[in-house]
Protein backbone atom coordinates (compact mmCIF):
# COMPACT_ATOMS: atom_id res chain seq x y z
CA UNK A 1 -0.17 -0.03 0.12
CA UNK A 2 1.31 3.33 -0.84
CA UNK A 3 2.33 5.34 2.12
CA UNK A 4 -0.40 8.24 1.28
CA UNK A 5 -3.22 5.48 0.79
CA UNK A 6 -2.19 4.01 3.89
CA UNK A 7 -1.61 7.61 6.18
CA UNK A 8 -5.55 8.10 4.72
CA UNK A 9 -6.98 4.84 5.42
CA UNK A 10 -5.30 4.92 9.22
CA UNK A 11 -7.41 8.58 9.61
CA UNK A 12 -10.17 7.42 8.17
CA UNK A 13 -10.41 4.90 11.08
CA UNK A 14 -9.36 7.41 13.51
CA UNK A 15 -12.24 9.18 12.75
CA UNK A 16 -15.03 6.72 13.06
CA UNK A 17 -12.77 5.43 16.56
CA UNK A 18 -13.07 8.81 18.02
CA UNK A 19 -17.10 8.99 16.47
CA UNK A 20 -17.75 6.62 18.95
CA UNK A 21 -15.86 7.94 21.82
CA UNK A 22 -17.48 11.05 21.26
CA UNK A 23 -20.86 9.27 21.78
CA UNK A 24 -20.60 6.69 24.13
CA UNK A 25 -17.63 8.61 26.17
CA UNK A 26 -14.61 6.64 27.64
CA UNK A 27 -15.01 3.71 30.94
CA UNK A 28 -17.59 1.07 28.98
CA UNK A 29 -16.67 -2.63 28.20
CA UNK A 30 -14.46 -3.37 25.12
CA UNK A 31 -17.44 -5.13 23.69
CA UNK A 32 -19.71 -2.22 23.68
CA UNK A 33 -16.95 -0.43 21.58
CA UNK A 34 -16.47 -3.02 18.86
CA UNK A 35 -20.18 -3.14 18.30
CA UNK A 36 -20.22 0.74 17.99
CA UNK A 37 -17.30 0.44 15.86
CA UNK A 38 -18.66 -2.13 13.50
CA UNK A 39 -21.89 0.39 12.63
CA UNK A 40 -19.40 3.36 12.26
CA UNK A 41 -17.14 1.69 10.08
CA UNK A 42 -19.89 0.45 7.84
CA UNK A 43 -21.56 3.49 8.20
CA UNK A 44 -18.21 5.11 6.88
CA UNK A 45 -17.95 2.48 3.44
CA UNK A 46 -14.79 1.16 4.88
CA UNK A 47 -14.93 -2.92 4.66
CA UNK A 48 -13.74 -5.15 7.31
CA UNK A 49 -13.76 -8.35 9.02
CA UNK A 50 -14.62 -8.70 12.53
CA UNK A 51 -12.94 -11.05 15.12
CA UNK A 52 -10.37 -12.71 12.66
CA UNK A 53 -8.63 -15.81 13.49
CA UNK A 54 -4.95 -16.48 13.14
CA UNK A 55 -3.38 -19.94 13.89
CA UNK A 56 0.10 -20.44 15.65
CA UNK A 57 2.26 -22.84 14.42
CA UNK A 58 4.88 -24.41 16.45
CA UNK A 59 7.60 -26.80 14.29
CA UNK A 60 5.13 -26.29 11.58
CA UNK A 61 1.84 -27.87 13.40
CA UNK A 62 -0.46 -26.03 14.04
CA UNK A 63 -1.72 -25.21 18.03
CA UNK A 64 -4.76 -25.86 19.17
CA UNK A 65 -4.76 -22.40 20.66
CA UNK A 66 -5.15 -19.27 18.30
CA UNK A 67 -4.99 -15.16 18.22
CA UNK A 68 -8.37 -13.28 17.28
CA UNK A 69 -7.48 -9.63 16.14
CA UNK A 70 -10.38 -7.01 16.45
CA UNK A 71 -10.59 -5.68 13.14
CA UNK A 72 -8.85 -5.87 9.69
CA UNK A 73 -10.09 -2.81 8.16
CA UNK A 74 -9.61 -2.85 4.36
CA UNK A 75 -7.97 -6.27 4.21
CA UNK A 76 -4.68 -3.76 5.18
CA UNK A 77 -5.09 -2.36 8.92
CA UNK A 78 -5.75 -4.64 11.73
CA UNK A 79 -6.99 -3.22 15.15
CA UNK A 80 -6.80 -4.23 18.61
CA UNK A 81 -8.88 -2.60 20.80
CA UNK A 82 -8.81 -1.72 24.32
CA UNK A 83 -10.59 -0.48 27.60
CA UNK A 84 -8.07 -0.37 29.93
CA UNK A 85 -6.46 2.66 32.39
CA UNK A 86 -2.93 2.67 30.44
CA UNK A 87 -1.63 1.11 27.27
CA UNK A 88 1.36 -0.92 27.85
CA UNK A 89 4.12 -2.47 26.57
CA UNK A 90 2.20 -6.07 26.22
CA UNK A 91 -0.50 -3.97 24.57
CA UNK A 92 1.31 -3.25 21.64
CA UNK A 93 3.14 -6.50 21.68
CA UNK A 94 0.10 -8.12 20.83
CA UNK A 95 -0.50 -5.59 18.35
CA UNK A 96 2.83 -6.75 16.73
CA UNK A 97 2.22 -10.48 17.14
CA UNK A 98 -0.92 -10.12 15.50
CA UNK A 99 0.43 -8.14 12.66
CA UNK A 100 3.32 -10.82 12.30
CA UNK A 101 1.36 -13.18 12.00
CA UNK A 102 -1.14 -12.11 10.14
CA UNK A 103 1.17 -10.46 7.59
CA UNK A 104 -0.36 -7.06 7.87
CA UNK A 105 2.23 -4.09 8.11
CA UNK A 106 0.04 -1.45 9.85
CA UNK A 107 -1.68 -1.45 13.00
CA UNK A 108 -3.88 0.47 15.22
CA UNK A 109 -4.20 0.13 19.01
CA UNK A 110 -7.46 1.81 20.23
CA UNK A 111 -7.75 2.67 24.41
CA UNK A 112 -11.18 3.95 24.51
CA UNK A 113 -10.52 4.08 28.39
CA UNK A 114 -8.79 7.30 27.64
CA UNK A 115 -10.05 10.59 28.38
CA UNK A 116 -9.00 12.37 24.48
CA UNK A 117 -9.16 8.93 22.45
CA UNK A 118 -6.61 11.00 20.41
CA UNK A 119 -4.15 9.79 23.63
CA UNK A 120 -5.24 6.54 23.31
CA UNK A 121 -4.00 5.96 19.64
CA UNK A 122 -0.52 3.74 19.02
CA UNK A 123 0.61 3.48 15.35
CA UNK A 124 2.73 0.51 14.18
CA UNK A 125 3.81 0.07 11.56
CA UNK A 126 6.43 -2.92 10.62
């Protein structure tokens, strides 16, 4: 994906998340924000898949567990939603793992518990 298009897509996604945050405010359950973001992404004509399963392999063998990314938007950006006091390094590591497992170069970690949502967004590019 070209850098300009990549930035445009992430800005559209962030705008959707901000719209959800403005409407609902901080402090609800992650599942509530996920449902609302589903509606907002759809209203903004963004194609997405929710709860994308990614198997984990060890020495070529699929393990019984798998990761689930909250969203993949336009097949290009993986989203991980949180509703926590602070984003921790483990949350960023989780998103990085999803990106590597799924082959995505761009990821957004969005913490809806932030007073100002822009302060709770991390954009990661591989």
